[in-house]
N, C-alpha and C. Protein backbone atom coordinates (compact mmCIF):
# COMPACT_ATOMS: atom_id res chain seq x y z
N MET A 1 114.59 149.39 115.88
CA MET A 1 115.37 148.18 115.71
C MET A 1 114.40 147.01 115.62
N PRO A 2 114.51 146.19 114.58
CA PRO A 2 113.59 145.05 114.45
C PRO A 2 113.85 144.01 115.52
N ASN A 3 112.81 143.28 115.83
CA ASN A 3 112.95 142.21 116.83
C ASN A 3 113.94 141.16 116.33
N ALA A 4 114.85 140.83 117.21
CA ALA A 4 115.80 139.77 116.86
C ALA A 4 115.05 138.45 116.90
N ARG A 5 115.19 137.68 115.86
CA ARG A 5 114.48 136.40 115.81
C ARG A 5 115.13 135.43 116.78
N GLN A 6 114.30 134.84 117.57
CA GLN A 6 114.77 133.82 118.50
C GLN A 6 115.07 132.55 117.71
N PRO A 7 116.13 131.85 118.04
CA PRO A 7 116.37 130.58 117.35
C PRO A 7 115.26 129.59 117.69
N LEU A 8 114.91 128.81 116.71
CA LEU A 8 113.87 127.81 116.90
C LEU A 8 114.39 126.73 117.84
N PHE A 9 113.71 126.57 118.96
CA PHE A 9 114.13 125.58 119.94
C PHE A 9 113.20 124.39 119.85
N LEU A 10 113.77 123.24 119.64
CA LEU A 10 113.01 122.00 119.66
C LEU A 10 113.41 121.20 120.88
N ALA A 11 112.42 120.72 121.56
CA ALA A 11 112.71 119.90 122.74
C ALA A 11 113.50 118.67 122.30
N ARG A 12 114.46 118.30 123.10
CA ARG A 12 115.34 117.20 122.74
C ARG A 12 114.58 115.90 122.51
N GLN A 13 113.60 115.62 123.34
CA GLN A 13 112.85 114.38 123.22
C GLN A 13 112.04 114.34 121.92
N SER A 14 111.37 115.43 121.59
CA SER A 14 110.57 115.43 120.36
C SER A 14 111.48 115.42 119.13
N TYR A 15 112.65 116.06 119.21
CA TYR A 15 113.59 116.04 118.09
C TYR A 15 114.07 114.62 117.83
N ARG A 16 114.44 113.91 118.89
CA ARG A 16 114.89 112.53 118.73
C ARG A 16 113.78 111.64 118.21
N ARG A 17 112.57 111.87 118.68
CA ARG A 17 111.43 111.07 118.21
C ARG A 17 111.19 111.29 116.72
N ARG A 18 111.31 112.53 116.28
CA ARG A 18 111.12 112.82 114.85
C ARG A 18 112.22 112.18 114.01
N ARG A 19 113.45 112.19 114.51
CA ARG A 19 114.53 111.54 113.75
C ARG A 19 114.34 110.04 113.70
N MET A 20 113.81 109.44 114.77
CA MET A 20 113.51 108.01 114.76
C MET A 20 112.40 107.72 113.76
N MET A 21 111.40 108.60 113.68
CA MET A 21 110.34 108.42 112.71
C MET A 21 110.89 108.51 111.29
N ASP A 22 111.83 109.43 111.07
CA ASP A 22 112.47 109.53 109.75
C ASP A 22 113.24 108.26 109.42
N ALA A 23 113.95 107.72 110.39
CA ALA A 23 114.71 106.49 110.17
C ALA A 23 113.76 105.33 109.86
N ALA A 24 112.62 105.28 110.54
CA ALA A 24 111.65 104.22 110.29
C ALA A 24 111.05 104.35 108.89
N ARG A 25 110.87 105.57 108.43
CA ARG A 25 110.35 105.77 107.08
C ARG A 25 111.37 105.38 106.01
N LEU A 26 112.64 105.56 106.29
CA LEU A 26 113.68 105.24 105.32
C LEU A 26 114.06 103.76 105.33
N LEU A 27 113.68 103.03 106.34
CA LEU A 27 114.05 101.62 106.46
C LEU A 27 113.57 100.78 105.28
N PRO A 28 112.32 100.90 104.81
CA PRO A 28 111.92 100.12 103.64
C PRO A 28 112.68 100.50 102.37
N VAL A 29 112.97 101.78 102.21
CA VAL A 29 113.73 102.22 101.04
C VAL A 29 115.14 101.64 101.07
N LEU A 30 115.78 101.73 102.23
CA LEU A 30 117.11 101.16 102.37
C LEU A 30 117.09 99.65 102.13
N GLY A 31 116.08 98.98 102.65
CA GLY A 31 115.95 97.55 102.44
C GLY A 31 115.78 97.20 100.97
N SER A 32 114.98 97.97 100.26
CA SER A 32 114.78 97.72 98.83
C SER A 32 116.08 97.88 98.05
N VAL A 33 116.82 98.93 98.36
CA VAL A 33 118.10 99.16 97.68
C VAL A 33 119.08 98.02 97.99
N LEU A 34 119.16 97.63 99.25
CA LEU A 34 120.08 96.57 99.63
C LEU A 34 119.68 95.22 99.04
N PHE A 35 118.36 94.96 98.91
CA PHE A 35 117.92 93.71 98.31
C PHE A 35 118.22 93.65 96.82
N MET A 36 118.32 94.80 96.18
CA MET A 36 118.61 94.82 94.75
C MET A 36 120.11 94.78 94.43
N MET A 37 120.95 94.88 95.44
CA MET A 37 122.40 94.88 95.21
C MET A 37 122.91 93.61 94.52
N PRO A 38 122.43 92.41 94.84
CA PRO A 38 122.95 91.23 94.15
C PRO A 38 122.74 91.26 92.64
N VAL A 39 121.77 92.03 92.17
CA VAL A 39 121.54 92.13 90.73
C VAL A 39 122.74 92.82 90.07
N LEU A 40 123.39 93.70 90.78
CA LEU A 40 124.52 94.45 90.23
C LEU A 40 125.84 93.70 90.32
N TRP A 41 125.87 92.61 91.07
CA TRP A 41 127.11 91.87 91.21
C TRP A 41 127.49 91.23 89.89
N ARG A 42 128.74 91.20 89.65
CA ARG A 42 129.23 90.53 88.45
C ARG A 42 129.19 89.02 88.67
N PRO A 43 128.76 88.27 87.69
CA PRO A 43 128.72 86.81 87.87
C PRO A 43 130.12 86.22 87.95
N ALA A 44 130.20 85.07 88.52
CA ALA A 44 131.49 84.38 88.62
C ALA A 44 131.94 83.96 87.23
N GLU A 45 133.19 83.59 87.13
CA GLU A 45 133.73 83.22 85.83
C GLU A 45 133.34 81.80 85.42
N THR A 46 132.55 81.14 86.24
CA THR A 46 132.08 79.80 85.89
C THR A 46 130.70 79.91 85.26
N PRO A 47 130.32 78.96 84.43
CA PRO A 47 129.00 79.04 83.78
C PRO A 47 127.85 78.76 84.75
N LEU A 48 128.13 78.16 85.91
CA LEU A 48 127.08 77.88 86.88
C LEU A 48 126.71 79.15 87.64
N ALA A 49 125.47 79.20 88.08
CA ALA A 49 125.01 80.36 88.86
C ALA A 49 125.70 80.37 90.22
N ASP A 50 126.08 81.53 90.66
CA ASP A 50 126.76 81.70 91.94
C ASP A 50 125.75 82.22 92.96
N THR A 51 124.90 81.33 93.47
CA THR A 51 123.80 81.75 94.34
C THR A 51 124.14 81.69 95.82
N GLY A 52 125.18 80.99 96.20
CA GLY A 52 125.51 80.84 97.62
C GLY A 52 125.76 82.16 98.32
N PRO A 53 126.73 82.95 97.84
CA PRO A 53 126.98 84.24 98.51
C PRO A 53 125.79 85.18 98.44
N GLY A 54 125.03 85.13 97.36
CA GLY A 54 123.85 85.99 97.24
C GLY A 54 122.79 85.64 98.27
N ALA A 55 122.60 84.34 98.50
CA ALA A 55 121.60 83.91 99.49
C ALA A 55 122.03 84.31 100.90
N VAL A 56 123.31 84.14 101.20
CA VAL A 56 123.81 84.55 102.52
C VAL A 56 123.64 86.05 102.70
N TYR A 57 123.94 86.80 101.66
CA TYR A 57 123.80 88.27 101.70
C TYR A 57 122.34 88.65 101.95
N LEU A 58 121.40 88.04 101.22
CA LEU A 58 119.99 88.39 101.38
C LEU A 58 119.48 88.07 102.78
N PHE A 59 119.87 86.91 103.32
CA PHE A 59 119.43 86.58 104.68
C PHE A 59 120.07 87.49 105.72
N ALA A 60 121.31 87.90 105.48
CA ALA A 60 121.97 88.83 106.41
C ALA A 60 121.28 90.19 106.39
N ILE A 61 120.93 90.67 105.21
CA ILE A 61 120.22 91.95 105.11
C ILE A 61 118.84 91.84 105.73
N TRP A 62 118.19 90.73 105.50
CA TRP A 62 116.88 90.50 106.09
C TRP A 62 116.96 90.55 107.62
N ALA A 63 117.95 89.87 108.18
CA ALA A 63 118.13 89.89 109.64
C ALA A 63 118.48 91.29 110.13
N LEU A 64 119.29 92.02 109.38
CA LEU A 64 119.64 93.39 109.75
C LEU A 64 118.42 94.30 109.75
N LEU A 65 117.55 94.15 108.77
CA LEU A 65 116.33 94.95 108.73
C LEU A 65 115.39 94.62 109.89
N ILE A 66 115.29 93.34 110.22
CA ILE A 66 114.46 92.94 111.36
C ILE A 66 115.03 93.53 112.65
N GLY A 67 116.35 93.43 112.82
CA GLY A 67 116.99 94.01 114.00
C GLY A 67 116.80 95.51 114.09
N SER A 68 116.89 96.19 112.96
CA SER A 68 116.67 97.64 112.96
C SER A 68 115.24 97.98 113.34
N ALA A 69 114.28 97.21 112.85
CA ALA A 69 112.89 97.45 113.21
C ALA A 69 112.64 97.19 114.69
N VAL A 70 113.31 96.18 115.24
CA VAL A 70 113.17 95.88 116.67
C VAL A 70 113.73 97.03 117.51
N VAL A 71 114.82 97.61 117.06
CA VAL A 71 115.42 98.73 117.80
C VAL A 71 114.57 99.99 117.67
N LEU A 72 114.06 100.26 116.48
CA LEU A 72 113.26 101.46 116.25
C LEU A 72 111.85 101.37 116.83
N GLY A 73 111.31 100.17 116.93
CA GLY A 73 109.92 99.99 117.38
C GLY A 73 109.61 100.60 118.73
N PRO A 74 110.34 100.23 119.79
CA PRO A 74 110.02 100.80 121.10
C PRO A 74 110.23 102.31 121.17
N ALA A 75 111.14 102.83 120.38
CA ALA A 75 111.37 104.27 120.39
C ALA A 75 110.20 105.03 119.77
N LEU A 76 109.42 104.36 118.93
CA LEU A 76 108.29 105.00 118.27
C LEU A 76 106.98 104.77 119.00
N ALA A 77 106.97 103.96 120.03
CA ALA A 77 105.75 103.69 120.78
C ALA A 77 105.32 104.96 121.52
N PRO A 78 104.03 105.16 121.63
CA PRO A 78 103.57 106.34 122.36
C PRO A 78 103.97 106.25 123.83
N PRO A 79 104.26 107.39 124.46
CA PRO A 79 104.66 107.35 125.87
C PRO A 79 103.52 106.85 126.75
N VAL A 80 103.87 106.11 127.78
CA VAL A 80 102.88 105.57 128.70
C VAL A 80 102.52 106.66 129.70
N VAL A 81 101.22 106.90 129.84
CA VAL A 81 100.72 107.92 130.76
C VAL A 81 99.96 107.22 131.86
N ASP A 82 100.37 107.46 133.10
CA ASP A 82 99.70 106.85 134.25
C ASP A 82 98.47 107.68 134.58
N GLU A 83 97.29 107.14 134.30
CA GLU A 83 96.05 107.87 134.56
C GLU A 83 95.49 107.59 135.94
N GLY A 84 96.01 106.54 136.61
CA GLY A 84 95.49 106.18 137.92
C GLY A 84 95.91 107.18 138.99
N GLY A 85 97.06 107.76 138.85
CA GLY A 85 97.51 108.76 139.79
C GLY A 85 98.23 108.18 140.99
N GLY A 86 97.73 107.11 141.58
CA GLY A 86 98.31 106.60 142.82
C GLY A 86 99.40 105.58 142.60
N GLY A 87 99.11 104.58 141.87
CA GLY A 87 100.09 103.52 141.67
C GLY A 87 99.87 102.35 142.60
N GLY A 88 99.20 102.54 143.70
CA GLY A 88 98.90 101.46 144.63
C GLY A 88 97.53 100.87 144.35
N PRO A 89 97.12 99.89 145.16
CA PRO A 89 95.79 99.31 144.95
C PRO A 89 94.71 100.35 145.27
N SER A 90 93.63 100.27 144.52
CA SER A 90 92.56 101.24 144.74
C SER A 90 91.74 100.86 145.96
N ALA A 91 90.90 101.77 146.41
CA ALA A 91 90.09 101.55 147.60
C ALA A 91 89.01 100.52 147.35
N GLU A 92 88.63 100.30 146.07
CA GLU A 92 87.57 99.36 145.74
C GLU A 92 88.03 97.92 145.88
N GLU A 93 89.33 97.70 145.85
CA GLU A 93 89.87 96.33 145.92
C GLU A 93 90.14 95.91 147.36
N GLY A 94 89.36 96.08 148.21
CA GLY A 94 89.64 95.86 149.58
C GLY A 94 89.37 94.57 150.10
């Protein structure tokens, strides 16, 4: 009887970290697509340019991208490792 293959187990923390890395990689692509959306909008029926809603949209997307980067940033930071071991003041600081 052949060995039954064990299901691939990924640690929950590393799986979430990889998905956050994927989201961070897709953020510029999503931003580029969203920034190009006003080009596809149909112009208003007036001969004047309709820039007001487009400008509000661009600044809103810009703020959304900044907020997304702020949320993703700390999740992608390397874990802090305490190398001191003790946590209290050392013996040299007496």
